[in-house]
Amino acid sequence: MSWGWRKILQLRPTIQEFIWYKIGDGAATSLWFDRWCDLGPLSNSITSRDIFRAGLNIKSKVKDIIHNGAWIWPPDLLVKYPSLVRVMFPLLKSS
């Protein structure tokens, strides 16, 4: 690996906060690890233990938490992480 490429890779943590994902239909966007909402990657604030306790998993996609055009956050997560209530509902595009 070249010196230049290693230097570019070292910048990832610095620029990651400026990278946003296009959600599309929500099937390819990670609910936890992609930056698709104002809170940033939800994995930065929600523990994997709480994810599993809520009946979800770390492979969940944005579309998995939406039903009939509304959020279906597990009540346990909303109690422990009330900031989820403020997450704006994304405009999903059909694939």
PDB file of N, CA and C in Angstrom:
ATOM      1  N   MET A   1       0.851  -1.162   0.000  1.00  0.00           N
ATOM      2  CA  MET A   1       0.000   0.000   0.000  1.00  0.00           C
ATOM      3  C   MET A   1       0.906   1.238   0.000  1.00  0.00           C
ATOM      4  N   SER A   2       0.564   2.178  -0.825  1.00  0.00           N
ATOM      5  CA  SER A   2       1.403   3.368  -0.957  1.00  0.00           C
ATOM      6  C   SER A   2       1.246   4.307   0.243  1.00  0.00           C
ATOM      7  N   TRP A   3       2.235   5.153   0.438  1.00  0.00           N
ATOM      8  CA  TRP A   3       2.213   6.135   1.518  1.00  0.00           C
ATOM      9  C   TRP A   3       0.997   7.041   1.396  1.00  0.00           C
ATOM     10  N   GLY A   4       0.719   7.501   0.172  1.00  0.00           N
ATOM     11  CA  GLY A   4      -0.400   8.413  -0.066  1.00  0.00           C
ATOM     12  C   GLY A   4      -1.740   7.773   0.298  1.00  0.00           C
ATOM     13  N   TRP A   5      -1.906   6.524  -0.083  1.00  0.00           N
ATOM     14  CA  TRP A   5      -3.159   5.829   0.213  1.00  0.00           C
ATOM     15  C   TRP A   5      -3.338   5.646   1.731  1.00  0.00           C
ATOM     16  N   ARG A   6      -2.263   5.312   2.428  1.00  0.00           N
ATOM     17  CA  ARG A   6      -2.337   5.173   3.893  1.00  0.00           C
ATOM     18  C   ARG A   6      -2.734   6.493   4.545  1.00  0.00           C
ATOM     19  N   LYS A   7      -2.199   7.598   4.035  1.00  0.00           N
ATOM     20  CA  LYS A   7      -2.553   8.916   4.581  1.00  0.00           C
ATOM     21  C   LYS A   7      -4.030   9.232   4.343  1.00  0.00           C
ATOM     22  N   ILE A   8      -4.537   8.892   3.169  1.00  0.00           N
ATOM     23  CA  ILE A   8      -5.958   9.104   2.879  1.00  0.00           C
ATOM     24  C   ILE A   8      -6.818   8.269   3.830  1.00  0.00           C
ATOM     25  N   LEU A   9      -6.449   7.030   4.047  1.00  0.00           N
ATOM     26  CA  LEU A   9      -7.213   6.165   4.952  1.00  0.00           C
ATOM     27  C   LEU A   9      -7.190   6.676   6.393  1.00  0.00           C
ATOM     28  N   GLN A  10      -6.122   7.333   6.778  1.00  0.00           N
ATOM     29  CA  GLN A  10      -6.046   7.899   8.127  1.00  0.00           C
ATOM     30  C   GLN A  10      -7.029   9.053   8.318  1.00  0.00           C
ATOM     31  N   LEU A  11      -7.504   9.645   7.248  1.00  0.00           N
ATOM     32  CA  LEU A  11      -8.458  10.753   7.330  1.00  0.00           C
ATOM     33  C   LEU A  11      -9.897  10.285   7.571  1.00  0.00           C
ATOM     34  N   ARG A  12     -10.163   8.993   7.428  1.00  0.00           N
ATOM     35  CA  ARG A  12     -11.532   8.492   7.563  1.00  0.00           C
ATOM     36  C   ARG A  12     -12.240   8.957   8.829  1.00  0.00           C
ATOM     37  N   PRO A  13     -11.639   8.835  10.014  1.00  0.00           N
ATOM     38  CA  PRO A  13     -12.358   9.277  11.219  1.00  0.00           C
ATOM     39  C   PRO A  13     -12.683  10.772  11.199  1.00  0.00           C
ATOM     40  N   THR A  14     -11.842  11.552  10.561  1.00  0.00           N
ATOM     41  CA  THR A  14     -12.047  12.997  10.512  1.00  0.00           C
ATOM     42  C   THR A  14     -13.201  13.386   9.596  1.00  0.00           C
ATOM     43  N   ILE A  15     -13.316  12.715   8.469  1.00  0.00           N
ATOM     44  CA  ILE A  15     -14.343  13.098   7.497  1.00  0.00           C
ATOM     45  C   ILE A  15     -15.628  12.293   7.614  1.00  0.00           C
ATOM     46  N   GLN A  16     -15.626  11.233   8.401  1.00  0.00           N
ATOM     47  CA  GLN A  16     -16.796  10.358   8.478  1.00  0.00           C
ATOM     48  C   GLN A  16     -18.066  11.095   8.890  1.00  0.00           C
ATOM     49  N   GLU A  17     -17.952  12.093   9.751  1.00  0.00           N
ATOM     50  CA  GLU A  17     -19.143  12.821  10.190  1.00  0.00           C
ATOM     51  C   GLU A  17     -19.791  13.612   9.061  1.00  0.00           C
ATOM     52  N   PHE A  18     -19.075  13.846   7.972  1.00  0.00           N
ATOM     53  CA  PHE A  18     -19.611  14.603   6.855  1.00  0.00           C
ATOM     54  C   PHE A  18     -20.199  13.716   5.752  1.00  0.00           C
ATOM     55  N   ILE A  19     -20.102  12.408   5.926  1.00  0.00           N
ATOM     56  CA  ILE A  19     -20.600  11.471   4.923  1.00  0.00           C
ATOM     57  C   ILE A  19     -22.002  11.016   5.324  1.00  0.00           C
ATOM     58  N   TRP A  20     -22.958  11.219   4.436  1.00  0.00           N
ATOM     59  CA  TRP A  20     -24.346  10.817   4.654  1.00  0.00           C
ATOM     60  C   TRP A  20     -24.701   9.780   3.603  1.00  0.00           C
ATOM     61  N   TYR A  21     -25.666   8.944   3.923  1.00  0.00           N
ATOM     62  CA  TYR A  21     -26.104   7.901   3.012  1.00  0.00           C
ATOM     63  C   TYR A  21     -27.434   8.256   2.390  1.00  0.00           C
ATOM     64  N   LYS A  22     -27.587   7.935   1.109  1.00  0.00           N
ATOM     65  CA  LYS A  22     -28.888   8.031   0.466  1.00  0.00           C
ATOM     66  C   LYS A  22     -29.648   6.781   0.876  1.00  0.00           C
ATOM     67  N   ILE A  23     -30.810   6.969   1.432  1.00  0.00           N
ATOM     68  CA  ILE A  23     -31.548   5.836   1.974  1.00  0.00           C
ATOM     69  C   ILE A  23     -32.215   5.016   0.882  1.00  0.00           C
ATOM     70  N   GLY A  24     -32.710   5.656  -0.152  1.00  0.00           N
ATOM     71  CA  GLY A  24     -33.426   4.920  -1.195  1.00  0.00           C
ATOM     72  C   GLY A  24     -34.672   4.287  -0.607  1.00  0.00           C
ATOM     73  N   ASP A  25     -34.791   2.967  -0.736  1.00  0.00           N
ATOM     74  CA  ASP A  25     -35.950   2.282  -0.166  1.00  0.00           C
ATOM     75  C   ASP A  25     -35.679   1.778   1.251  1.00  0.00           C
ATOM     76  N   GLY A  26     -34.485   2.034   1.771  1.00  0.00           N
ATOM     77  CA  GLY A  26     -34.133   1.642   3.137  1.00  0.00           C
ATOM     78  C   GLY A  26     -33.623   0.224   3.275  1.00  0.00           C
ATOM     79  N   ALA A  27     -33.591  -0.520   2.183  1.00  0.00           N
ATOM     80  CA  ALA A  27     -33.192  -1.925   2.245  1.00  0.00           C
ATOM     81  C   ALA A  27     -31.678  -2.118   2.335  1.00  0.00           C
ATOM     82  N   ALA A  28     -30.904  -1.135   1.918  1.00  0.00           N
ATOM     83  CA  ALA A  28     -29.451  -1.279   1.924  1.00  0.00           C
ATOM     84  C   ALA A  28     -28.772  -0.391   2.966  1.00  0.00           C
ATOM     85  N   THR A  29     -29.543   0.415   3.684  1.00  0.00           N
ATOM     86  CA  THR A  29     -28.973   1.338   4.661  1.00  0.00           C
ATOM     87  C   THR A  29     -29.042   0.745   6.052  1.00  0.00           C
ATOM     88  N   SER A  30     -27.896   0.579   6.684  1.00  0.00           N
ATOM     89  CA  SER A  30     -27.848   0.020   8.036  1.00  0.00           C
ATOM     90  C   SER A  30     -28.529   0.956   9.024  1.00  0.00           C
ATOM     91  N   LEU A  31     -29.432   0.401   9.798  1.00  0.00           N
ATOM     92  CA  LEU A  31     -30.127   1.184  10.818  1.00  0.00           C
ATOM     93  C   LEU A  31     -29.155   1.690  11.863  1.00  0.00           C
ATOM     94  N   TRP A  32     -28.130   0.934  12.153  1.00  0.00           N
ATOM     95  CA  TRP A  32     -27.233   1.242  13.265  1.00  0.00           C
ATOM     96  C   TRP A  32     -25.919   1.894  12.861  1.00  0.00           C
ATOM     97  N   PHE A  33     -25.347   1.520  11.732  1.00  0.00           N
ATOM     98  CA  PHE A  33     -23.971   1.924  11.429  1.00  0.00           C
ATOM     99  C   PHE A  33     -23.830   3.007  10.361  1.00  0.00           C
ATOM    100  N   ASP A  34     -24.839   3.223   9.549  1.00  0.00           N
ATOM    101  CA  ASP A  34     -24.764   4.268   8.523  1.00  0.00           C
ATOM    102  C   ASP A  34     -25.281   5.588   9.080  1.00  0.00           C
ATOM    103  N   ARG A  35     -24.736   6.680   8.594  1.00  0.00           N
ATOM    104  CA  ARG A  35     -25.193   8.013   9.014  1.00  0.00           C
ATOM    105  C   ARG A  35     -26.321   8.450   8.091  1.00  0.00           C
ATOM    106  N   TRP A  36     -27.522   8.200   8.512  1.00  0.00           N
ATOM    107  CA  TRP A  36     -28.692   8.543   7.706  1.00  0.00           C
ATOM    108  C   TRP A  36     -29.626   9.507   8.430  1.00  0.00           C
ATOM    109  N   CYS A  37     -29.347   9.776   9.709  1.00  0.00           N
ATOM    110  CA  CYS A  37     -30.191  10.706  10.468  1.00  0.00           C
ATOM    111  C   CYS A  37     -29.304  11.696  11.229  1.00  0.00           C
ATOM    112  N   ASP A  38     -29.928  12.710  11.808  1.00  0.00           N
ATOM    113  CA  ASP A  38     -29.185  13.766  12.506  1.00  0.00           C
ATOM    114  C   ASP A  38     -28.420  13.277  13.726  1.00  0.00           C
ATOM    115  N   LEU A  39     -28.820  12.156  14.294  1.00  0.00           N
ATOM    116  CA  LEU A  39     -28.129  11.633  15.478  1.00  0.00           C
ATOM    117  C   LEU A  39     -26.803  10.974  15.129  1.00  0.00           C
ATOM    118  N   GLY A  40     -26.527  10.844  13.846  1.00  0.00           N
ATOM    119  CA  GLY A  40     -25.320  10.154  13.412  1.00  0.00           C
ATOM    120  C   GLY A  40     -25.572   8.664  13.416  1.00  0.00           C
ATOM    121  N   PRO A  41     -24.551   7.851  13.257  1.00  0.00           N
ATOM    122  CA  PRO A  41     -24.778   6.413  13.349  1.00  0.00           C
ATOM    123  C   PRO A  41     -25.363   6.077  14.722  1.00  0.00           C
ATOM    124  N   LEU A  42     -26.487   5.395  14.742  1.00  0.00           N
ATOM    125  CA  LEU A  42     -27.154   5.101  16.007  1.00  0.00           C
ATOM    126  C   LEU A  42     -26.319   4.189  16.900  1.00  0.00           C
ATOM    127  N   SER A  43     -25.384   3.452  16.301  1.00  0.00           N
ATOM    128  CA  SER A  43     -24.520   2.582  17.100  1.00  0.00           C
ATOM    129  C   SER A  43     -23.590   3.387  18.005  1.00  0.00           C
ATOM    130  N   ASN A  44     -23.439   4.684  17.740  1.00  0.00           N
ATOM    131  CA  ASN A  44     -22.617   5.532  18.608  1.00  0.00           C
ATOM    132  C   ASN A  44     -23.303   5.806  19.943  1.00  0.00           C
ATOM    133  N   SER A  45     -24.635   5.670  19.989  1.00  0.00           N
ATOM    134  CA  SER A  45     -25.344   5.983  21.225  1.00  0.00           C
ATOM    135  C   SER A  45     -26.161   4.816  21.776  1.00  0.00           C
ATOM    136  N   ILE A  46     -26.485   3.830  20.952  1.00  0.00           N
ATOM    137  CA  ILE A  46     -27.277   2.685  21.406  1.00  0.00           C
ATOM    138  C   ILE A  46     -26.375   1.463  21.449  1.00  0.00           C
ATOM    139  N   THR A  47     -26.357   0.802  22.582  1.00  0.00           N
ATOM    140  CA  THR A  47     -25.474  -0.353  22.741  1.00  0.00           C
ATOM    141  C   THR A  47     -26.028  -1.571  22.013  1.00  0.00           C
ATOM    142  N   SER A  48     -25.141  -2.453  21.608  1.00  0.00           N
ATOM    143  CA  SER A  48     -25.582  -3.676  20.931  1.00  0.00           C
ATOM    144  C   SER A  48     -26.429  -4.528  21.872  1.00  0.00           C
ATOM    145  N   ARG A  49     -26.157  -4.481  23.136  1.00  0.00           N
ATOM    146  CA  ARG A  49     -26.966  -5.217  24.112  1.00  0.00           C
ATOM    147  C   ARG A  49     -28.411  -4.715  24.097  1.00  0.00           C
ATOM    148  N   ASP A  50     -28.592  -3.398  24.060  1.00  0.00           N
ATOM    149  CA  ASP A  50     -29.943  -2.837  24.013  1.00  0.00           C
ATOM    150  C   ASP A  50     -30.633  -3.140  22.687  1.00  0.00           C
ATOM    151  N   ILE A  51     -29.856  -3.196  21.618  1.00  0.00           N
ATOM    152  CA  ILE A  51     -30.416  -3.552  20.313  1.00  0.00           C
ATOM    153  C   ILE A  51     -31.005  -4.956  20.368  1.00  0.00           C
ATOM    154  N   PHE A  52     -30.239  -5.897  20.909  1.00  0.00           N
ATOM    155  CA  PHE A  52     -30.702  -7.279  21.001  1.00  0.00           C
ATOM    156  C   PHE A  52     -31.864  -7.424  21.983  1.00  0.00           C
ATOM    157  N   ARG A  53     -31.804  -6.718  23.095  1.00  0.00           N
ATOM    158  CA  ARG A  53     -32.903  -6.781  24.073  1.00  0.00           C
ATOM    159  C   ARG A  53     -34.213  -6.277  23.483  1.00  0.00           C
ATOM    160  N   ALA A  54     -34.127  -5.352  22.533  1.00  0.00           N
ATOM    161  CA  ALA A  54     -35.325  -4.799  21.904  1.00  0.00           C
ATOM    162  C   ALA A  54     -35.874  -5.718  20.807  1.00  0.00           C
ATOM    163  N   GLY A  55     -35.195  -6.833  20.577  1.00  0.00           N
ATOM    164  CA  GLY A  55     -35.660  -7.779  19.569  1.00  0.00           C
ATOM    165  C   GLY A  55     -35.155  -7.482  18.169  1.00  0.00           C
ATOM    166  N   LEU A  56     -34.167  -6.610  18.064  1.00  0.00           N
ATOM    167  CA  LEU A  56     -33.578  -6.274  16.768  1.00  0.00           C
ATOM    168  C   LEU A  56     -32.193  -6.907  16.692  1.00  0.00           C
ATOM    169  N   ASN A  57     -31.510  -6.717  15.586  1.00  0.00           N
ATOM    170  CA  ASN A  57     -30.132  -7.196  15.494  1.00  0.00           C
ATOM    171  C   ASN A  57     -29.276  -6.162  14.783  1.00  0.00           C
ATOM    172  N   ILE A  58     -27.977  -6.379  14.809  1.00  0.00           N
ATOM    173  CA  ILE A  58     -27.064  -5.384  14.254  1.00  0.00           C
ATOM    174  C   ILE A  58     -27.108  -5.324  12.730  1.00  0.00           C
ATOM    175  N   LYS A  59     -27.771  -6.280  12.095  1.00  0.00           N
ATOM    176  CA  LYS A  59     -27.913  -6.266  10.635  1.00  0.00           C
ATOM    177  C   LYS A  59     -29.201  -5.582  10.189  1.00  0.00           C
ATOM    178  N   SER A  60     -29.966  -5.019  11.116  1.00  0.00           N
ATOM    179  CA  SER A  60     -31.228  -4.359  10.783  1.00  0.00           C
ATOM    180  C   SER A  60     -31.000  -3.214   9.813  1.00  0.00           C
ATOM    181  N   LYS A  61     -31.925  -3.055   8.899  1.00  0.00           N
ATOM    182  CA  LYS A  61     -31.890  -1.974   7.917  1.00  0.00           C
ATOM    183  C   LYS A  61     -32.955  -0.945   8.279  1.00  0.00           C
ATOM    184  N   VAL A  62     -32.862   0.238   7.724  1.00  0.00           N
ATOM    185  CA  VAL A  62     -33.834   1.304   8.006  1.00  0.00           C
ATOM    186  C   VAL A  62     -35.247   0.827   7.697  1.00  0.00           C
ATOM    187  N   LYS A  63     -35.439   0.097   6.610  1.00  0.00           N
ATOM    188  CA  LYS A  63     -36.780  -0.357   6.232  1.00  0.00           C
ATOM    189  C   LYS A  63     -37.382  -1.313   7.263  1.00  0.00           C
ATOM    190  N   ASP A  64     -36.536  -1.970   8.063  1.00  0.00           N
ATOM    191  CA  ASP A  64     -37.017  -2.937   9.049  1.00  0.00           C
ATOM    192  C   ASP A  64     -37.738  -2.288  10.225  1.00  0.00           C
ATOM    193  N   ILE A  65     -37.557  -1.014  10.411  1.00  0.00           N
ATOM    194  CA  ILE A  65     -38.129  -0.315  11.566  1.00  0.00           C
ATOM    195  C   ILE A  65     -39.281   0.606  11.136  1.00  0.00           C
ATOM    196  N   ILE A  66     -39.740   0.422   9.892  1.00  0.00           N
ATOM    197  CA  ILE A  66     -40.836   1.223   9.352  1.00  0.00           C
ATOM    198  C   ILE A  66     -41.974   0.287   8.936  1.00  0.00           C
ATOM    199  N   HIS A  67     -43.193   0.683   9.294  1.00  0.00           N
ATOM    200  CA  HIS A  67     -44.371  -0.088   8.882  1.00  0.00           C
ATOM    201  C   HIS A  67     -45.510   0.877   8.581  1.00  0.00           C
ATOM    202  N   ASN A  68     -46.097   0.723   7.410  1.00  0.00           N
ATOM    203  CA  ASN A  68     -47.201   1.591   6.977  1.00  0.00           C
ATOM    204  C   ASN A  68     -46.867   3.073   7.105  1.00  0.00           C
ATOM    205  N   GLY A  69     -45.660   3.434   6.726  1.00  0.00           N
ATOM    206  CA  GLY A  69     -45.266   4.838   6.726  1.00  0.00           C
ATOM    207  C   GLY A  69     -45.022   5.451   8.089  1.00  0.00           C
ATOM    208  N   ALA A  70     -44.740   4.628   9.088  1.00  0.00           N
ATOM    209  CA  ALA A  70     -44.481   5.147  10.443  1.00  0.00           C
ATOM    210  C   ALA A  70     -43.378   4.324  11.104  1.00  0.00           C
ATOM    211  N   TRP A  71     -42.665   4.971  12.041  1.00  0.00           N
ATOM    212  CA  TRP A  71     -41.654   4.258  12.829  1.00  0.00           C
ATOM    213  C   TRP A  71     -42.326   3.202  13.690  1.00  0.00           C
ATOM    214  N   ILE A  72     -41.662   2.089  13.877  1.00  0.00           N
ATOM    215  CA  ILE A  72     -42.114   1.072  14.826  1.00  0.00           C
ATOM    216  C   ILE A  72     -40.970   0.737  15.789  1.00  0.00           C
ATOM    217  N   TRP A  73     -40.442   1.786  16.434  1.00  0.00           N
ATOM    218  CA  TRP A  73     -39.368   1.590  17.413  1.00  0.00           C
ATOM    219  C   TRP A  73     -39.906   0.734  18.553  1.00  0.00           C
ATOM    220  N   PRO A  74     -39.148  -0.246  19.013  1.00  0.00           N
ATOM    221  CA  PRO A  74     -39.563  -1.009  20.189  1.00  0.00           C
ATOM    222  C   PRO A  74     -39.699  -0.071  21.392  1.00  0.00           C
ATOM    223  N   PRO A  75     -40.762  -0.223  22.182  1.00  0.00           N
ATOM    224  CA  PRO A  75     -40.987   0.668  23.329  1.00  0.00           C
ATOM    225  C   PRO A  75     -39.800   0.741  24.286  1.00  0.00           C
ATOM    226  N   ASP A  76     -39.111  -0.375  24.497  1.00  0.00           N
ATOM    227  CA  ASP A  76     -37.954  -0.373  25.410  1.00  0.00           C
ATOM    228  C   ASP A  76     -36.865   0.590  24.939  1.00  0.00           C
ATOM    229  N   LEU A  77     -36.648   0.635  23.630  1.00  0.00           N
ATOM    230  CA  LEU A  77     -35.633   1.558  23.102  1.00  0.00           C
ATOM    231  C   LEU A  77     -36.067   3.003  23.280  1.00  0.00           C
ATOM    232  N   LEU A  78     -37.345   3.282  23.050  1.00  0.00           N
ATOM    233  CA  LEU A  78     -37.837   4.654  23.193  1.00  0.00           C
ATOM    234  C   LEU A  78     -37.743   5.140  24.630  1.00  0.00           C
ATOM    235  N   VAL A  79     -37.941   4.244  25.575  1.00  0.00           N
ATOM    236  CA  VAL A  79     -37.836   4.628  26.989  1.00  0.00           C
ATOM    237  C   VAL A  79     -36.380   4.940  27.337  1.00  0.00           C
ATOM    238  N   LYS A  80     -35.488   4.072  26.914  1.00  0.00           N
ATOM    239  CA  LYS A  80     -34.071   4.254  27.273  1.00  0.00           C
ATOM    240  C   LYS A  80     -33.383   5.329  26.423  1.00  0.00           C
ATOM    241  N   TYR A  81     -33.831   5.493  25.178  1.00  0.00           N
ATOM    242  CA  TYR A  81     -33.226   6.464  24.259  1.00  0.00           C
ATOM    243  C   TYR A  81     -34.318   7.379  23.703  1.00  0.00           C
ATOM    244  N   PRO A  82     -34.810   8.318  24.496  1.00  0.00           N
ATOM    245  CA  PRO A  82     -35.904   9.184  24.043  1.00  0.00           C
ATOM    246  C   PRO A  82     -35.544  10.046  22.828  1.00  0.00           C
ATOM    247  N   SER A  83     -34.270  10.187  22.529  1.00  0.00           N
ATOM    248  CA  SER A  83     -33.884  10.975  21.354  1.00  0.00           C
ATOM    249  C   SER A  83     -34.366  10.325  20.054  1.00  0.00           C
ATOM    250  N   LEU A  84     -34.702   9.042  20.081  1.00  0.00           N
ATOM    251  CA  LEU A  84     -35.214   8.374  18.883  1.00  0.00           C
ATOM    252  C   LEU A  84     -36.541   8.979  18.419  1.00  0.00           C
ATOM    253  N   VAL A  85     -37.280   9.556  19.361  1.00  0.00           N
ATOM    254  CA  VAL A  85     -38.554  10.182  19.007  1.00  0.00           C
ATOM    255  C   VAL A  85     -38.326  11.356  18.060  1.00  0.00           C
ATOM    256  N   ARG A  86     -37.182  12.005  18.171  1.00  0.00           N
ATOM    257  CA  ARG A  86     -36.882  13.186  17.355  1.00  0.00           C
ATOM    258  C   ARG A  86     -36.310  12.843  15.969  1.00  0.00           C
ATOM    259  N   VAL A  87     -36.048  11.566  15.712  1.00  0.00           N
ATOM    260  CA  VAL A  87     -35.488  11.180  14.406  1.00  0.00           C
ATOM    261  C   VAL A  87     -36.544  11.442  13.340  1.00  0.00           C
ATOM    262  N   MET A  88     -36.167  12.252  12.376  1.00  0.00           N
ATOM    263  CA  MET A  88     -37.070  12.587  11.277  1.00  0.00           C
ATOM    264  C   MET A  88     -37.352  11.353  10.443  1.00  0.00           C
ATOM    265  N   PHE A  89     -38.591  11.213  10.021  1.00  0.00           N
ATOM    266  CA  PHE A  89     -38.970  10.079   9.195  1.00  0.00           C
ATOM    267  C   PHE A  89     -38.403  10.289   7.787  1.00  0.00           C
ATOM    268  N   PRO A  90     -37.657   9.314   7.259  1.00  0.00           N
ATOM    269  CA  PRO A  90     -37.054   9.496   5.932  1.00  0.00           C
ATOM    270  C   PRO A  90     -38.074   9.318   4.819  1.00  0.00           C
ATOM    271  N   LEU A  91     -37.832   9.978   3.727  1.00  0.00           N
ATOM    272  CA  LEU A  91     -38.654   9.815   2.544  1.00  0.00           C
ATOM    273  C   LEU A  91     -38.058   8.644   1.766  1.00  0.00           C
ATOM    274  N   LEU A  92     -38.730   7.506   1.823  1.00  0.00           N
ATOM    275  CA  LEU A  92     -38.224   6.306   1.150  1.00  0.00           C
ATOM    276  C   LEU A  92     -38.676   6.309  -0.305  1.00  0.00           C
ATOM    277  N   LYS A  93     -37.783   5.832  -1.153  1.00  0.00           N
ATOM    278  CA  LYS A  93     -38.092   5.738  -2.581  1.00  0.00           C
ATOM    279  C   LYS A  93     -38.248   4.279  -2.942  1.00  0.00           C
ATOM    280  N   SER A  94     -39.264   3.970  -3.689  1.00  0.00           N
ATOM    281  CA  SER A  94     -39.476   2.585  -4.129  1.00  0.00           C
ATOM    282  C   SER A  94     -38.351   2.153  -5.027  1.00  0.00           C
ATOM    283  N   SER A  95     -37.991   0.887  -4.884  1.00  0.00           N
ATOM    284  CA  SER A  95     -36.891   0.385  -5.733  1.00  0.00           C
ATOM    285  C   SER A  95     -37.410  -0.200  -7.007  1.00  0.00           C
TER     286      SER A  95
END
